[in-house]
Amino acid sequence: MAFFDDVMTVYNYRLENGEERWNRSVVRGVQWRHGKRRVTADKGVFTDEAEESVTVDFTRTYQRNPLYVSPKEYASLEDKGGSWTLNPADGTDFIVCGEVAQEIGDGYSISQLKKDFDAYVIVSVSDNRNRNRLKHIRVVAK
């Protein structure tokens, strides 16, 4: 039984010469959990809210995975190809369960991606790569 046998596609936002762009990265070695519920209260009314939970394994090396860098380091890179990040700060980075071939750009928008796939915006990231065992990052997306 393998725990980290899922794949996700990450779309990292960047502003380049005044134009919005997204870099696509396919990441292997994740565990994706659908439909995790969180109870929230608003004016005494409780509701269930769907939430995606993804754990990215950094204990093993997965072939063809691009290099993970922190959001701050990613922002400072001139050439963002070959690297990826998980940035919940502004709600512009998206993840999709599975390998998606579509690039965001001329003729294909992030809105179209959301129509064609279950694309989720990253809302929180917990970096646990400094642990002795099971070095991982946990991502919550909606």
N, C-alpha and C. Protein backbone atom coordinates (compact mmCIF):
# COMPACT_ATOMS: atom_id res chain seq x y z
N MET A 1 0.85 -1.19 0.00
CA MET A 1 0.00 0.00 0.00
C MET A 1 0.88 1.24 0.00
N ALA A 2 0.77 2.04 -1.01
CA ALA A 2 1.55 3.27 -1.12
C ALA A 2 0.73 4.46 -0.66
N PHE A 3 1.38 5.34 0.08
CA PHE A 3 0.66 6.52 0.58
C PHE A 3 0.82 7.72 -0.33
N PHE A 4 1.96 7.85 -0.98
CA PHE A 4 2.23 9.05 -1.77
C PHE A 4 2.29 8.70 -3.26
N ASP A 5 1.20 8.15 -3.77
CA ASP A 5 1.17 7.74 -5.17
C ASP A 5 0.28 8.61 -6.03
N ASP A 6 -0.16 9.74 -5.52
CA ASP A 6 -0.96 10.68 -6.30
C ASP A 6 -0.05 11.68 -7.01
N VAL A 7 -0.63 12.36 -7.98
CA VAL A 7 0.06 13.38 -8.76
C VAL A 7 -0.78 14.65 -8.70
N MET A 8 -0.12 15.80 -8.65
CA MET A 8 -0.86 17.07 -8.73
C MET A 8 -0.17 17.98 -9.73
N THR A 9 -0.96 18.86 -10.30
CA THR A 9 -0.43 19.89 -11.18
C THR A 9 -0.58 21.22 -10.47
N VAL A 10 0.52 21.97 -10.41
CA VAL A 10 0.55 23.25 -9.73
C VAL A 10 0.64 24.35 -10.79
N TYR A 11 -0.18 25.38 -10.63
CA TYR A 11 -0.12 26.56 -11.49
C TYR A 11 0.29 27.74 -10.63
N ASN A 12 1.53 28.20 -10.84
CA ASN A 12 2.07 29.34 -10.08
C ASN A 12 1.90 30.62 -10.88
N TYR A 13 1.29 31.60 -10.24
CA TYR A 13 1.03 32.91 -10.85
C TYR A 13 2.30 33.76 -10.85
N ARG A 14 2.43 34.55 -11.92
CA ARG A 14 3.48 35.55 -11.97
C ARG A 14 3.01 36.70 -12.86
N LEU A 15 3.49 37.89 -12.58
CA LEU A 15 3.21 39.05 -13.41
C LEU A 15 4.47 39.34 -14.21
N GLU A 16 4.36 39.29 -15.53
CA GLU A 16 5.52 39.45 -16.39
C GLU A 16 5.22 40.52 -17.44
N ASN A 17 5.98 41.61 -17.38
CA ASN A 17 5.78 42.73 -18.32
C ASN A 17 4.33 43.20 -18.34
N GLY A 18 3.72 43.25 -17.15
CA GLY A 18 2.35 43.71 -17.02
C GLY A 18 1.29 42.70 -17.41
N GLU A 19 1.70 41.48 -17.77
CA GLU A 19 0.75 40.45 -18.16
C GLU A 19 0.73 39.31 -17.14
N GLU A 20 -0.47 38.78 -16.89
CA GLU A 20 -0.61 37.66 -15.97
C GLU A 20 -0.19 36.37 -16.67
N ARG A 21 0.61 35.57 -15.98
CA ARG A 21 1.09 34.30 -16.50
C ARG A 21 1.02 33.26 -15.38
N TRP A 22 0.92 31.99 -15.77
CA TRP A 22 0.97 30.89 -14.82
C TRP A 22 1.98 29.86 -15.32
N ASN A 23 2.89 29.44 -14.45
CA ASN A 23 3.80 28.35 -14.76
C ASN A 23 3.17 27.05 -14.28
N ARG A 24 3.21 26.04 -15.12
CA ARG A 24 2.64 24.73 -14.79
C ARG A 24 3.75 23.78 -14.38
N SER A 25 3.55 23.07 -13.27
CA SER A 25 4.49 22.05 -12.81
C SER A 25 3.71 20.82 -12.40
N VAL A 26 4.18 19.65 -12.83
CA VAL A 26 3.57 18.38 -12.43
C VAL A 26 4.43 17.81 -11.31
N VAL A 27 3.79 17.49 -10.18
CA VAL A 27 4.49 17.04 -8.99
C VAL A 27 3.99 15.65 -8.61
N ARG A 28 4.92 14.72 -8.50
CA ARG A 28 4.60 13.35 -8.10
C ARG A 28 4.98 13.15 -6.63
N GLY A 29 4.39 12.12 -6.03
CA GLY A 29 4.70 11.83 -4.63
C GLY A 29 3.88 12.63 -3.66
N VAL A 30 2.59 12.77 -3.97
CA VAL A 30 1.68 13.48 -3.07
C VAL A 30 0.57 12.54 -2.61
N GLN A 31 -0.05 12.90 -1.53
CA GLN A 31 -1.24 12.21 -1.05
C GLN A 31 -2.37 13.24 -1.03
N TRP A 32 -3.37 13.01 -1.84
CA TRP A 32 -4.48 13.96 -2.00
C TRP A 32 -5.71 13.39 -1.34
N ARG A 33 -6.33 14.17 -0.47
CA ARG A 33 -7.56 13.76 0.20
C ARG A 33 -8.68 14.72 -0.19
N HIS A 34 -9.72 14.17 -0.82
CA HIS A 34 -10.87 14.96 -1.27
C HIS A 34 -11.92 15.07 -0.17
N GLY A 35 -12.65 16.16 -0.20
CA GLY A 35 -13.87 16.29 0.58
C GLY A 35 -13.71 16.36 2.08
N LYS A 36 -12.54 16.71 2.55
CA LYS A 36 -12.39 16.89 3.99
C LYS A 36 -13.29 18.05 4.40
N ARG A 37 -14.03 17.85 5.45
CA ARG A 37 -14.98 18.87 5.89
C ARG A 37 -14.46 19.64 7.09
N ARG A 38 -14.78 20.92 7.10
CA ARG A 38 -14.45 21.77 8.24
C ARG A 38 -15.74 22.49 8.63
N VAL A 39 -16.06 22.47 9.88
CA VAL A 39 -17.28 23.12 10.35
C VAL A 39 -16.95 24.58 10.67
N THR A 40 -17.75 25.49 10.10
CA THR A 40 -17.57 26.92 10.37
C THR A 40 -18.87 27.47 10.92
N ALA A 41 -18.76 28.49 11.71
CA ALA A 41 -19.94 29.09 12.31
C ALA A 41 -20.07 30.54 11.85
N ASP A 42 -21.28 30.92 11.44
CA ASP A 42 -21.55 32.29 11.05
C ASP A 42 -22.89 32.67 11.64
N LYS A 43 -22.88 33.58 12.61
CA LYS A 43 -24.10 34.03 13.27
C LYS A 43 -24.89 32.86 13.85
N GLY A 44 -24.16 31.90 14.42
CA GLY A 44 -24.80 30.77 15.05
C GLY A 44 -25.23 29.65 14.12
N VAL A 45 -25.00 29.80 12.83
CA VAL A 45 -25.36 28.77 11.85
C VAL A 45 -24.11 28.01 11.46
N PHE A 46 -24.15 26.70 11.59
CA PHE A 46 -23.02 25.87 11.23
C PHE A 46 -23.19 25.33 9.82
N THR A 47 -22.11 25.35 9.06
CA THR A 47 -22.15 24.82 7.70
C THR A 47 -20.92 23.94 7.47
N ASP A 48 -21.05 23.03 6.56
CA ASP A 48 -19.92 22.21 6.14
C ASP A 48 -19.30 22.84 4.92
N GLU A 49 -18.00 22.83 4.89
CA GLU A 49 -17.28 23.43 3.77
C GLU A 49 -16.29 22.42 3.20
N ALA A 50 -16.39 22.18 1.91
CA ALA A 50 -15.46 21.24 1.28
C ALA A 50 -14.05 21.79 1.32
N GLU A 51 -13.10 20.90 1.51
CA GLU A 51 -11.70 21.32 1.63
C GLU A 51 -10.80 20.20 1.13
N GLU A 52 -9.84 20.54 0.31
CA GLU A 52 -8.88 19.57 -0.21
C GLU A 52 -7.63 19.62 0.65
N SER A 53 -7.08 18.47 0.98
CA SER A 53 -5.88 18.38 1.79
C SER A 53 -4.85 17.56 1.03
N VAL A 54 -3.67 18.15 0.83
CA VAL A 54 -2.62 17.50 0.05
C VAL A 54 -1.34 17.49 0.88
N THR A 55 -0.70 16.32 0.95
CA THR A 55 0.59 16.19 1.60
C THR A 55 1.62 15.87 0.52
N VAL A 56 2.67 16.69 0.46
CA VAL A 56 3.73 16.51 -0.53
C VAL A 56 4.93 15.90 0.19
N ASP A 57 5.34 14.72 -0.25
CA ASP A 57 6.44 13.98 0.38
C ASP A 57 7.79 14.49 -0.11
N PHE A 58 8.67 14.86 0.84
CA PHE A 58 10.03 15.27 0.52
C PHE A 58 11.05 14.29 1.08
N THR A 59 10.58 13.14 1.59
CA THR A 59 11.48 12.12 2.12
C THR A 59 12.19 11.38 1.00
N ARG A 60 11.49 11.13 -0.09
CA ARG A 60 12.05 10.41 -1.22
C ARG A 60 12.24 11.36 -2.41
N THR A 61 13.04 10.92 -3.35
CA THR A 61 13.23 11.68 -4.58
C THR A 61 12.35 11.07 -5.66
N TYR A 62 11.51 11.88 -6.25
CA TYR A 62 10.62 11.41 -7.31
C TYR A 62 11.15 11.90 -8.64
N GLN A 63 11.26 10.98 -9.57
CA GLN A 63 11.81 11.32 -10.88
C GLN A 63 10.99 12.41 -11.55
N ARG A 64 11.68 13.28 -12.21
CA ARG A 64 11.09 14.34 -13.01
C ARG A 64 10.37 15.42 -12.21
N ASN A 65 10.43 15.41 -10.89
CA ASN A 65 9.81 16.49 -10.14
C ASN A 65 10.68 17.74 -10.28
N PRO A 66 10.05 18.89 -10.54
CA PRO A 66 10.82 20.12 -10.55
C PRO A 66 11.25 20.48 -9.13
N LEU A 67 12.13 21.44 -8.99
CA LEU A 67 12.68 21.86 -7.70
C LEU A 67 11.67 22.72 -6.95
N TYR A 68 11.38 22.35 -5.69
CA TYR A 68 10.51 23.18 -4.85
C TYR A 68 11.34 24.30 -4.23
N VAL A 69 10.82 25.54 -4.27
CA VAL A 69 11.46 26.68 -3.62
C VAL A 69 10.39 27.42 -2.82
N SER A 70 10.82 28.18 -1.83
CA SER A 70 9.88 28.95 -1.01
C SER A 70 9.22 30.03 -1.87
N PRO A 71 8.05 30.51 -1.47
CA PRO A 71 7.40 31.58 -2.24
C PRO A 71 8.28 32.81 -2.42
N LYS A 72 9.02 33.16 -1.39
CA LYS A 72 9.90 34.34 -1.47
C LYS A 72 11.01 34.10 -2.50
N GLU A 73 11.61 32.92 -2.46
CA GLU A 73 12.66 32.59 -3.42
C GLU A 73 12.09 32.51 -4.84
N TYR A 74 10.91 31.94 -4.98
CA TYR A 74 10.27 31.82 -6.30
C TYR A 74 10.05 33.21 -6.91
N ALA A 75 9.58 34.14 -6.09
CA ALA A 75 9.32 35.50 -6.58
C ALA A 75 10.58 36.18 -7.08
N SER A 76 11.73 35.84 -6.49
CA SER A 76 12.98 36.49 -6.88
C SER A 76 13.67 35.83 -8.08
N LEU A 77 13.21 34.65 -8.49
CA LEU A 77 13.83 33.96 -9.62
C LEU A 77 13.53 34.67 -10.94
N GLU A 78 14.56 34.84 -11.75
CA GLU A 78 14.35 35.39 -13.09
C GLU A 78 13.73 34.34 -13.99
N ASP A 79 14.30 33.13 -13.98
CA ASP A 79 13.79 32.02 -14.78
C ASP A 79 13.07 31.06 -13.84
N LYS A 80 11.75 31.04 -13.90
CA LYS A 80 10.95 30.22 -12.99
C LYS A 80 10.73 28.80 -13.53
N GLY A 81 11.16 28.54 -14.74
CA GLY A 81 11.04 27.20 -15.31
C GLY A 81 11.87 26.21 -14.52
N GLY A 82 11.34 25.02 -14.28
CA GLY A 82 12.05 24.00 -13.53
C GLY A 82 11.91 24.12 -12.03
N SER A 83 11.10 25.07 -11.56
CA SER A 83 10.87 25.20 -10.11
C SER A 83 9.39 25.51 -9.88
N TRP A 84 8.96 25.30 -8.65
CA TRP A 84 7.57 25.54 -8.28
C TRP A 84 7.51 25.91 -6.82
N THR A 85 6.37 26.44 -6.40
CA THR A 85 6.17 26.82 -5.01
C THR A 85 4.70 26.63 -4.65
N LEU A 86 4.39 26.83 -3.39
CA LEU A 86 3.02 26.78 -2.89
C LEU A 86 2.79 28.06 -2.11
N ASN A 87 2.09 29.01 -2.70
CA ASN A 87 1.94 30.33 -2.10
C ASN A 87 0.47 30.64 -1.84
N PRO A 88 0.07 30.66 -0.56
CA PRO A 88 -1.32 30.97 -0.24
C PRO A 88 -1.59 32.47 -0.08
N ALA A 89 -0.55 33.31 -0.21
CA ALA A 89 -0.65 34.72 0.16
C ALA A 89 -1.73 35.51 -0.58
N ASP A 90 -1.84 35.37 -1.88
CA ASP A 90 -2.75 36.24 -2.61
C ASP A 90 -3.85 35.51 -3.37
N GLY A 91 -3.95 34.20 -3.22
CA GLY A 91 -5.03 33.45 -3.84
C GLY A 91 -4.93 33.31 -5.35
N THR A 92 -3.71 33.33 -5.88
CA THR A 92 -3.54 33.23 -7.33
C THR A 92 -2.86 31.94 -7.77
N ASP A 93 -2.38 31.13 -6.84
CA ASP A 93 -1.78 29.83 -7.18
C ASP A 93 -2.85 28.75 -7.05
N PHE A 94 -2.88 27.84 -8.04
CA PHE A 94 -3.90 26.80 -8.09
C PHE A 94 -3.25 25.42 -8.14
N ILE A 95 -3.99 24.42 -7.64
CA ILE A 95 -3.56 23.03 -7.76
C ILE A 95 -4.72 22.22 -8.33
N VAL A 96 -4.35 21.18 -9.08
CA VAL A 96 -5.32 20.25 -9.67
C VAL A 96 -4.85 18.85 -9.37
N CYS A 97 -5.77 17.97 -8.97
CA CYS A 97 -5.42 16.58 -8.73
C CYS A 97 -5.19 15.90 -10.07
N GLY A 98 -4.04 15.26 -10.21
CA GLY A 98 -3.71 14.57 -11.45
C GLY A 98 -2.78 15.39 -12.33
N GLU A 99 -2.37 14.77 -13.42
CA GLU A 99 -1.48 15.44 -14.36
C GLU A 99 -2.30 16.14 -15.43
N VAL A 100 -2.14 17.45 -15.53
CA VAL A 100 -2.87 18.26 -16.50
C VAL A 100 -1.87 18.81 -17.51
N ALA A 101 -2.17 18.63 -18.79
CA ALA A 101 -1.24 19.06 -19.85
C ALA A 101 -1.47 20.50 -20.28
N GLN A 102 -2.61 21.07 -19.99
CA GLN A 102 -2.94 22.41 -20.47
C GLN A 102 -2.06 23.47 -19.81
N GLU A 103 -1.50 24.32 -20.67
CA GLU A 103 -0.76 25.49 -20.22
C GLU A 103 -1.72 26.67 -20.21
N ILE A 104 -1.59 27.54 -19.23
CA ILE A 104 -2.39 28.75 -19.19
C ILE A 104 -1.68 29.79 -20.06
N GLY A 105 -2.40 30.34 -20.99
CA GLY A 105 -1.80 31.32 -21.89
C GLY A 105 -2.76 31.66 -23.00
N ASP A 106 -2.21 32.03 -24.14
CA ASP A 106 -3.04 32.41 -25.28
C ASP A 106 -4.03 31.30 -25.62
N GLY A 107 -5.29 31.64 -25.56
CA GLY A 107 -6.32 30.68 -25.94
C GLY A 107 -6.81 29.79 -24.82
N TYR A 108 -6.14 29.78 -23.67
CA TYR A 108 -6.59 28.95 -22.55
C TYR A 108 -6.34 29.73 -21.26
N SER A 109 -7.42 30.05 -20.55
CA SER A 109 -7.33 30.91 -19.37
C SER A 109 -7.48 30.10 -18.09
N ILE A 110 -7.17 30.74 -16.98
CA ILE A 110 -7.34 30.11 -15.67
C ILE A 110 -8.84 29.84 -15.43
N SER A 111 -9.71 30.70 -15.97
CA SER A 111 -11.16 30.47 -15.87
C SER A 111 -11.56 29.21 -16.61
N GLN A 112 -10.95 28.98 -17.77
CA GLN A 112 -11.25 27.76 -18.53
C GLN A 112 -10.75 26.53 -17.78
N LEU A 113 -9.57 26.65 -17.16
CA LEU A 113 -9.02 25.54 -16.36
C LEU A 113 -10.01 25.16 -15.25
N LYS A 114 -10.58 26.16 -14.58
CA LYS A 114 -11.53 25.90 -13.50
C LYS A 114 -12.81 25.25 -14.01
N LYS A 115 -13.17 25.52 -15.25
CA LYS A 115 -14.35 24.88 -15.85
C LYS A 115 -14.06 23.43 -16.24
N ASP A 116 -12.85 23.19 -16.76
CA ASP A 116 -12.49 21.87 -17.27
C ASP A 116 -12.06 20.89 -16.19
N PHE A 117 -11.52 21.40 -15.08
CA PHE A 117 -10.97 20.56 -14.02
C PHE A 117 -11.40 21.10 -12.66
N ASP A 118 -11.26 20.27 -11.65
CA ASP A 118 -11.45 20.74 -10.27
C ASP A 118 -10.16 21.40 -9.85
N ALA A 119 -10.05 22.70 -10.11
CA ALA A 119 -8.86 23.48 -9.75
C ALA A 119 -9.16 24.21 -8.45
N TYR A 120 -8.23 24.12 -7.52
CA TYR A 120 -8.43 24.68 -6.19
C TYR A 120 -7.37 25.73 -5.89
N VAL A 121 -7.78 26.79 -5.22
CA VAL A 121 -6.85 27.83 -4.83
C VAL A 121 -6.20 27.43 -3.50
N ILE A 122 -4.92 27.66 -3.37
CA ILE A 122 -4.17 27.32 -2.17
C ILE A 122 -4.52 28.33 -1.08
N VAL A 123 -4.96 27.85 0.09
CA VAL A 123 -5.34 28.75 1.18
C VAL A 123 -4.39 28.68 2.37
N SER A 124 -3.69 27.55 2.56
CA SER A 124 -2.70 27.50 3.63
C SER A 124 -1.66 26.43 3.32
N VAL A 125 -0.46 26.67 3.85
CA VAL A 125 0.67 25.77 3.65
C VAL A 125 1.39 25.60 4.97
N SER A 126 1.69 24.36 5.32
CA SER A 126 2.46 24.06 6.52
C SER A 126 3.72 23.31 6.08
N ASP A 127 4.87 23.96 6.22
CA ASP A 127 6.14 23.39 5.77
C ASP A 127 6.78 22.60 6.91
N ASN A 128 6.84 21.29 6.74
CA ASN A 128 7.41 20.39 7.75
C ASN A 128 8.64 19.67 7.22
N ARG A 129 9.39 20.31 6.36
CA ARG A 129 10.57 19.68 5.78
C ARG A 129 11.75 19.65 6.75
N ASN A 130 11.66 20.36 7.86
CA ASN A 130 12.75 20.37 8.85
C ASN A 130 12.64 19.24 9.87
N ARG A 131 11.66 18.37 9.75
CA ARG A 131 11.49 17.24 10.68
C ARG A 131 12.50 16.14 10.38
N ASN A 132 12.77 15.32 11.40
CA ASN A 132 13.68 14.20 11.20
C ASN A 132 13.09 13.13 10.31
N ARG A 133 11.81 12.89 10.45
CA ARG A 133 11.12 11.86 9.65
C ARG A 133 9.95 12.48 8.91
N LEU A 134 9.62 11.85 7.81
CA LEU A 134 8.51 12.28 6.97
C LEU A 134 8.56 13.80 6.69
N LYS A 135 9.58 14.20 6.00
CA LYS A 135 9.72 15.58 5.58
C LYS A 135 8.62 15.84 4.54
N HIS A 136 7.75 16.81 4.82
CA HIS A 136 6.62 17.03 3.93
C HIS A 136 6.11 18.46 4.05
N ILE A 137 5.27 18.81 3.10
CA ILE A 137 4.52 20.05 3.15
C ILE A 137 3.05 19.69 3.06
N ARG A 138 2.25 20.27 3.93
CA ARG A 138 0.80 20.03 3.90
C ARG A 138 0.13 21.26 3.32
N VAL A 139 -0.73 21.03 2.35
CA VAL A 139 -1.43 22.12 1.63
C VAL A 139 -2.92 21.96 1.85
N VAL A 140 -3.59 23.06 2.12
CA VAL A 140 -5.05 23.08 2.18
C VAL A 140 -5.52 24.00 1.06
N ALA A 141 -6.48 23.51 0.30
CA ALA A 141 -7.00 24.28 -0.84
C ALA A 141 -8.50 24.19 -0.89
N LYS A 142 -9.12 25.20 -1.49
CA LYS A 142 -10.59 25.25 -1.63
C LYS A 142 -10.92 25.59 -3.05
